C-alpha cells in the first residue's frame, strides 16, 4: 500500500500538512511548499494582489481578443470621446480606444518588469552571495561599487543610463536593471554573512567542496527567499521607473501604447478630457499596489523567523 496521502481534497491536504514532518526530503519539501501556499492564500491582502496580477497577465495575453479595436488605428472623427458603451474608457486625441491601448500596454509594462527582474535578481544574488561568502577584497570592491550605485536615486540613475544608451524599450530595460541590482546584492551579502561560518558550511568545506560549489549549493539557496521577497516588493518601483521613462519619452516610443507615454500624451487634456490621463494612471497604481500586497504576503510566508 502506498504511503502517499490523499490530498485531492482541501480537508485531506490540511490533515497531511498537520501531520509530523515527513521523513523523506521530497515529502518534507512538498509539505513546506503547500504550507507556504496555504499561508499565502490565507493572507487576504496577498491573495487580492495575486488575483489582480493574474487578471492583468491574462488581459495582457488575451487583450487582442477582448476588444474589437486596434491599439494603433486612428480615427479623428471619434477623437476625445468620453467613456461610453462603445468605448468604455473613451478615446484619445487621435481617436484610439483607450481600453484597448491599456490592454496592449499591459504587455509592455509586465514584459519590462519581468525582464528587469530576470536580469537584476540573479545579478544581485550572485554578486552579493559571492562577496559575502568570500569576504576580503572581493567583498570590499563589490560593496564599494554597490555604494556608488546606491548613492544615486534609482530614477536618476536609470535616466543617466538610458540617456547614454538611447531611447527604446530594450535600452530602458537595461538601464532599469543597472539601477535595480545593487539593493538586491546588499541584501544577499547580508544573508551570506550570516551563514558562511555555520556548521554545515564548515562540514561541506572539510569534505572538499570548493568555494564556488559552496556558494551555489549552500549560500545562494539561503539568500534566495529574501531576494525573491525583495524583487517582488521592488516590482512596484520598477514599474514606476519604467512609466517615468516612458513619460519622459525615453522608454517605449510612439505609437506603442505604453502606460507612461499614454500618461504624458494625456496630461495636456486633463482639464477637458480627464480620462486620457486617469486610465493609464489608474493602471499603473493598480499593478504597483498588487505587487506590494503580494510582496508583503510572500514576506510573511518565506520569512523563517515566522516559523
Protein backbone atom coordinates (compact mmCIF):
# COMPACT_ATOMS: atom_id res chain seq x y z
CA UNK A 1 0.00 0.00 0.00
CA UNK A 2 1.31 3.45 -0.88
CA UNK A 3 2.20 5.85 1.94
CA UNK A 4 1.28 8.83 -0.21
CA UNK A 5 -1.62 10.70 1.47
CA UNK A 6 -4.82 11.64 -0.32
CA UNK A 7 -4.56 15.38 -0.91
CA UNK A 8 -7.18 15.54 -3.65
CA UNK A 9 -9.49 17.43 -1.28
CA UNK A 10 -8.78 20.51 0.82
CA UNK A 11 -9.57 18.57 4.00
CA UNK A 12 -7.11 15.83 3.07
CA UNK A 13 -4.46 18.44 2.31
CA UNK A 14 -4.94 20.07 5.72
CA UNK A 15 -4.68 16.71 7.52
CA UNK A 16 -1.47 15.92 5.64
CA UNK A 17 0.02 19.29 6.48
CA UNK A 18 -0.82 18.91 10.16
CA UNK A 19 0.96 15.57 10.29
CA UNK A 20 4.56 15.35 11.57
CA UNK A 21 7.26 16.41 9.14
CA UNK A 22 7.85 13.69 6.55
CA UNK A 23 10.97 11.59 6.79
CA UNK A 24 11.91 11.83 3.13
CA UNK A 25 13.35 15.03 1.73
CA UNK A 26 10.89 15.10 -1.15
CA UNK A 27 7.84 14.83 1.09
CA UNK A 28 9.26 17.39 3.52
CA UNK A 29 9.73 19.87 0.70
CA UNK A 30 6.23 19.19 -0.59
CA UNK A 31 4.80 19.78 2.88
CA UNK A 32 6.75 23.04 3.20
CA UNK A 33 5.55 24.17 -0.24
CA UNK A 34 1.89 23.52 0.49
CA UNK A 35 2.11 25.08 3.94
CA UNK A 36 3.57 28.22 2.40
CA UNK A 37 0.97 28.24 -0.37
CA UNK A 38 -1.93 27.94 2.09
CA UNK A 39 -0.43 30.68 4.27
CA UNK A 40 -0.20 32.91 1.21
CA UNK A 41 -3.81 32.24 0.24
CA UNK A 42 -4.91 32.87 3.83
CA UNK A 43 -3.39 36.36 3.66
CA UNK A 44 -6.28 38.38 2.23
CA UNK A 45 -4.15 41.27 1.03
CA UNK A 46 -1.63 38.99 -0.68
CA UNK A 47 -4.44 36.94 -2.22
CA UNK A 48 -6.02 40.11 -3.61
CA UNK A 49 -2.68 41.17 -5.09
CA UNK A 50 -2.19 37.74 -6.64
CA UNK A 51 -5.68 37.80 -8.18
CA UNK A 52 -5.10 41.26 -9.67
CA UNK A 53 -1.74 40.23 -11.14
CA UNK A 54 -3.20 37.05 -12.64
CA UNK A 55 -6.01 39.11 -14.16
CA UNK A 56 -3.50 41.59 -15.61
CA UNK A 57 -1.40 38.79 -17.09
CA UNK A 58 -4.49 37.24 -18.67
CA UNK A 59 -5.53 40.63 -20.06
CA UNK A 60 -2.05 41.13 -21.47
CA UNK A 61 -2.10 37.71 -23.13
CA UNK A 62 -5.66 37.75 -24.42
CA UNK A 63 -6.04 41.52 -24.87
CA UNK A 64 -6.46 41.37 -28.67
CA UNK A 65 -9.41 39.01 -28.22
CA UNK A 66 -11.12 41.12 -25.55
CA UNK A 67 -11.67 44.23 -27.64
CA UNK A 68 -12.80 44.81 -31.24
CA UNK A 69 -10.49 47.79 -31.73
CA UNK A 70 -6.88 48.12 -32.83
CA UNK A 71 -4.48 49.83 -30.46
CA UNK A 72 -2.74 51.70 -33.28
CA UNK A 73 -5.65 52.61 -35.57
CA UNK A 74 -6.51 56.31 -35.63
CA UNK A 75 -9.94 57.80 -36.30
CA UNK A 76 -10.07 61.57 -35.88
CA UNK A 77 -13.86 61.56 -36.23
CA UNK A 78 -14.19 60.00 -32.76
CA UNK A 79 -11.31 61.78 -31.01
CA UNK A 80 -11.68 62.71 -27.33
CA UNK A 81 -14.92 60.82 -26.81
CA UNK A 82 -15.83 60.38 -23.11
CA UNK A 83 -16.36 56.90 -21.64
CA UNK A 84 -19.42 55.24 -23.13
CA UNK A 85 -20.87 51.86 -24.01
CA UNK A 86 -18.89 51.75 -27.27
CA UNK A 87 -15.65 52.96 -25.68
CA UNK A 88 -15.61 52.04 -22.00
CA UNK A 89 -12.65 54.31 -21.21
CA UNK A 90 -13.21 56.81 -24.01
CA UNK A 91 -10.88 57.68 -26.88
CA UNK A 92 -7.69 59.72 -27.02
CA UNK A 93 -6.75 62.76 -29.09
CA UNK A 94 -6.18 60.56 -32.17
CA UNK A 95 -9.41 58.60 -31.86
CA UNK A 96 -7.84 55.43 -30.46
CA UNK A 97 -9.75 53.34 -27.94
CA UNK A 98 -8.10 53.84 -24.54
CA UNK A 99 -9.17 50.49 -23.05
CA UNK A 100 -7.59 48.69 -25.99
CA UNK A 101 -4.37 50.64 -25.51
CA UNK A 102 -4.40 49.89 -21.78
CA UNK A 103 -4.70 46.16 -22.50
CA UNK A 104 -1.88 46.25 -25.04
CA UNK A 105 0.16 48.45 -22.72
CA UNK A 106 -0.08 45.80 -20.01
CA UNK A 107 2.06 43.56 -22.24
CA UNK A 108 4.78 46.18 -22.48
CA UNK A 109 4.75 47.07 -18.78
CA UNK A 110 4.70 43.49 -17.47
CA UNK A 111 7.29 42.37 -20.02
CA UNK A 112 9.66 45.18 -18.99
CA UNK A 113 9.15 44.41 -15.29
CA UNK A 114 9.74 40.68 -15.84
CA UNK A 115 12.91 41.27 -17.86
CA UNK A 116 14.29 43.62 -15.21
CA UNK A 117 13.57 41.03 -12.52
CA UNK A 118 15.25 38.29 -14.58
CA UNK A 119 18.36 40.43 -15.09
CA UNK A 120 18.65 42.29 -11.78
CA UNK A 121 17.62 39.43 -9.47
CA UNK A 122 20.27 36.83 -10.42
CA UNK A 123 22.91 39.55 -10.84
CA UNK A 124 22.34 40.91 -7.34
CA UNK A 125 22.12 37.40 -5.87
CA UNK A 126 25.39 36.25 -7.44
CA UNK A 127 27.33 39.40 -6.60
CA UNK A 128 26.01 39.67 -3.04
CA UNK A 129 26.33 35.98 -2.14
CA UNK A 130 29.84 35.78 -3.59
CA UNK A 131 31.02 38.95 -1.86
CA UNK A 132 29.50 37.95 1.47
CA UNK A 133 30.96 34.46 1.44
CA UNK A 134 34.45 35.24 0.12
CA UNK A 135 34.95 38.44 2.11
CA UNK A 136 38.29 40.25 1.86
CA UNK A 137 39.00 42.31 -1.24
CA UNK A 138 36.15 40.74 -3.18
CA UNK A 139 33.70 41.98 -0.59
CA UNK A 140 35.29 45.43 -0.35
CA UNK A 141 35.35 46.03 -4.11
CA UNK A 142 31.83 44.69 -4.69
CA UNK A 143 30.30 46.73 -1.87
CA UNK A 144 32.05 49.94 -2.92
CA UNK A 145 30.57 49.50 -6.40
CA UNK A 146 27.18 48.91 -4.80
CA UNK A 147 27.61 52.05 -2.67
CA UNK A 148 28.33 54.10 -5.77
CA UNK A 149 25.14 52.86 -7.44
CA UNK A 150 23.07 53.37 -4.28
CA UNK A 151 24.30 56.95 -3.86
CA UNK A 152 22.01 57.99 -6.74
CA UNK A 153 18.19 57.75 -6.78
CA UNK A 154 17.14 54.84 -8.99
CA UNK A 155 15.17 57.03 -11.42
CA UNK A 156 18.07 59.46 -11.85
CA UNK A 157 20.47 56.56 -12.40
CA UNK A 158 18.13 54.96 -14.93
CA UNK A 159 17.78 58.31 -16.72
CA UNK A 160 21.56 58.61 -16.97
CA UNK A 161 21.95 55.11 -18.40
CA UNK A 162 19.09 55.41 -20.89
CA UNK A 163 20.37 58.83 -21.98
CA UNK A 164 23.71 57.20 -22.77
CA UNK A 165 22.19 54.15 -24.44
CA UNK A 166 19.37 55.91 -26.29
CA UNK A 167 15.56 55.69 -26.02
CA UNK A 168 13.71 52.43 -26.55
CA UNK A 169 12.27 49.51 -24.63
CA UNK A 170 15.43 47.38 -24.76
CA UNK A 171 17.67 50.20 -23.51
CA UNK A 172 15.12 51.14 -20.84
CA UNK A 173 15.16 47.55 -19.53
CA UNK A 174 18.97 47.58 -19.38
CA UNK A 175 19.00 50.98 -17.67
CA UNK A 176 16.44 49.96 -15.03
CA UNK A 177 18.26 46.66 -14.43
CA UNK A 178 21.52 48.50 -13.82
CA UNK A 179 19.81 50.60 -11.17
CA UNK A 180 17.84 47.70 -9.61
CA UNK A 181 20.51 45.09 -8.80
CA UNK A 182 22.55 46.92 -6.07
CA UNK A 183 19.89 46.72 -3.30
CA UNK A 184 19.46 43.02 -4.03
CA UNK A 185 23.23 42.48 -3.87
CA UNK A 186 23.43 44.20 -0.47
CA UNK A 187 20.62 42.06 0.88
CA UNK A 188 22.18 38.83 -0.46
CA UNK A 189 25.52 39.80 1.06
CA UNK A 190 23.91 40.29 4.49
CA UNK A 191 22.32 36.85 4.27
CA UNK A 192 25.61 35.27 3.14
CA UNK A 193 27.48 36.80 6.07
CA UNK A 194 25.13 35.06 8.50
CA UNK A 195 25.73 31.56 7.10
CA UNK A 196 29.35 31.49 5.88
CA UNK A 197 30.66 30.41 9.31
CA UNK A 198 27.82 27.97 10.05
CA UNK A 199 28.46 24.33 10.91
CA UNK A 200 27.08 22.82 7.71
CA UNK A 201 29.26 25.14 5.60
CA UNK A 202 32.29 24.06 7.63
CA UNK A 203 31.34 20.39 7.22
CA UNK A 204 31.00 20.78 3.44
CA UNK A 205 34.34 22.58 3.30
CA UNK A 206 36.01 19.75 5.22
CA UNK A 207 34.60 17.27 2.69
CA UNK A 208 36.46 19.11 -0.06
CA UNK A 209 33.74 21.30 -1.56
CA UNK A 210 35.14 24.25 -3.49
CA UNK A 211 34.16 27.84 -2.76
CA UNK A 212 32.00 28.07 -5.88
CA UNK A 213 30.21 24.85 -5.02
CA UNK A 214 29.57 26.14 -1.50
CA UNK A 215 28.24 29.43 -2.87
CA UNK A 216 25.97 27.78 -5.44
CA UNK A 217 24.73 24.83 -3.38
CA UNK A 218 24.63 26.21 0.17
CA UNK A 219 24.86 30.01 0.33
CA UNK A 220 22.60 31.10 -2.54
CA UNK A 221 19.65 28.88 -1.51
CA UNK A 222 19.71 30.58 1.89
CA UNK A 223 19.73 34.02 0.27
CA UNK A 224 17.03 33.18 -2.28
CA UNK A 225 13.86 33.67 -0.15
CA UNK A 226 14.89 37.17 0.92
CA UNK A 227 15.89 38.04 -2.64
CA UNK A 228 12.53 36.84 -4.01
CA UNK A 229 10.69 38.97 -1.46
CA UNK A 230 12.84 42.00 -2.26
CA UNK A 231 12.34 41.62 -6.01
CA UNK A 232 8.56 41.33 -5.57
CA UNK A 233 8.47 44.43 -3.38
CA UNK A 234 10.74 46.26 -5.85
CA UNK A 235 8.46 45.49 -8.80
CA UNK A 236 6.29 48.49 -7.98
CA UNK A 237 9.33 50.76 -8.12
CA UNK A 238 10.48 49.11 -11.34
CA UNK A 239 7.09 49.72 -12.95
CA UNK A 240 7.07 53.33 -11.77
CA UNK A 241 10.57 53.86 -13.15
CA UNK A 242 9.57 52.31 -16.49
CA UNK A 243 6.49 54.54 -16.58
CA UNK A 244 8.64 57.54 -15.70
CA UNK A 245 11.00 56.82 -18.60
CA UNK A 246 8.01 56.42 -20.91
CA UNK A 247 6.53 59.67 -19.61
CA UNK A 248 9.76 61.48 -20.48
CA UNK A 249 9.90 59.89 -23.94
CA UNK A 250 12.90 57.66 -23.13
CA UNK A 251 11.09 54.33 -22.93
CA UNK A 252 8.69 52.83 -25.45
CA UNK A 253 8.36 55.11 -28.45
CA UNK A 254 5.11 56.22 -30.12
CA UNK A 255 2.79 54.81 -31.23
CA UNK A 256 3.43 51.99 -28.73
CA UNK A 257 0.67 52.01 -26.07
CA UNK A 258 2.97 52.21 -23.06
CA UNK A 259 1.26 53.49 -19.91
CA UNK A 260 3.82 56.19 -19.10
CA UNK A 261 3.74 57.52 -22.66
CA UNK A 262 -0.08 57.50 -22.58
CA UNK A 263 0.03 59.48 -19.35
CA UNK A 264 2.35 62.02 -20.94
CA UNK A 265 0.16 62.47 -24.01
CA UNK A 266 -2.96 62.86 -21.87
CA UNK A 267 -1.65 65.44 -19.42
CA UNK A 268 -2.38 68.36 -21.78
CA UNK A 269 -6.07 67.37 -21.83
CA UNK A 270 -6.52 66.84 -18.08
CA UNK A 271 -8.91 69.81 -17.67
CA UNK A 272 -11.14 68.89 -20.59
CA UNK A 273 -10.68 65.13 -21.19
CA UNK A 274 -9.59 63.75 -17.83
CA UNK A 275 -9.94 60.09 -18.86
CA UNK A 276 -6.86 60.25 -21.11
CA UNK A 277 -4.55 60.53 -18.11
CA UNK A 278 -6.78 58.87 -15.49
CA UNK A 279 -6.91 55.48 -17.23
CA UNK A 280 -3.15 54.82 -17.56
CA UNK A 281 -2.54 56.40 -14.15
CA UNK A 282 -5.06 54.05 -12.55
CA UNK A 283 -3.47 51.07 -14.33
CA UNK A 284 -0.01 51.99 -13.01
CA UNK A 285 -1.38 52.43 -9.49
CA UNK A 286 -3.29 49.14 -9.60
CA UNK A 287 -0.38 46.97 -10.73
CA UNK A 288 2.02 48.68 -8.29
CA UNK A 289 -0.40 48.10 -5.41
CA UNK A 290 -0.87 44.46 -6.42
CA UNK A 291 2.88 43.80 -6.36
CA UNK A 292 3.23 45.47 -2.96
CA UNK A 293 0.40 43.39 -1.49
CA UNK A 294 1.86 40.18 -2.92
CA UNK A 295 5.33 41.08 -1.70
CA UNK A 296 4.06 41.61 1.85
CA UNK A 297 2.35 38.23 1.73
CA UNK A 298 5.48 36.49 0.43
CA UNK A 299 7.48 38.07 3.24
CA UNK A 300 5.09 36.58 5.78
CA UNK A 301 5.32 33.15 4.12
CA UNK A 302 9.05 32.95 3.40
CA UNK A 303 10.45 34.73 6.45
CA UNK A 304 11.94 31.90 8.56
CA UNK A 305 11.50 33.96 11.73
CA UNK A 306 7.75 33.47 11.44
CA UNK A 307 8.01 29.68 11.68
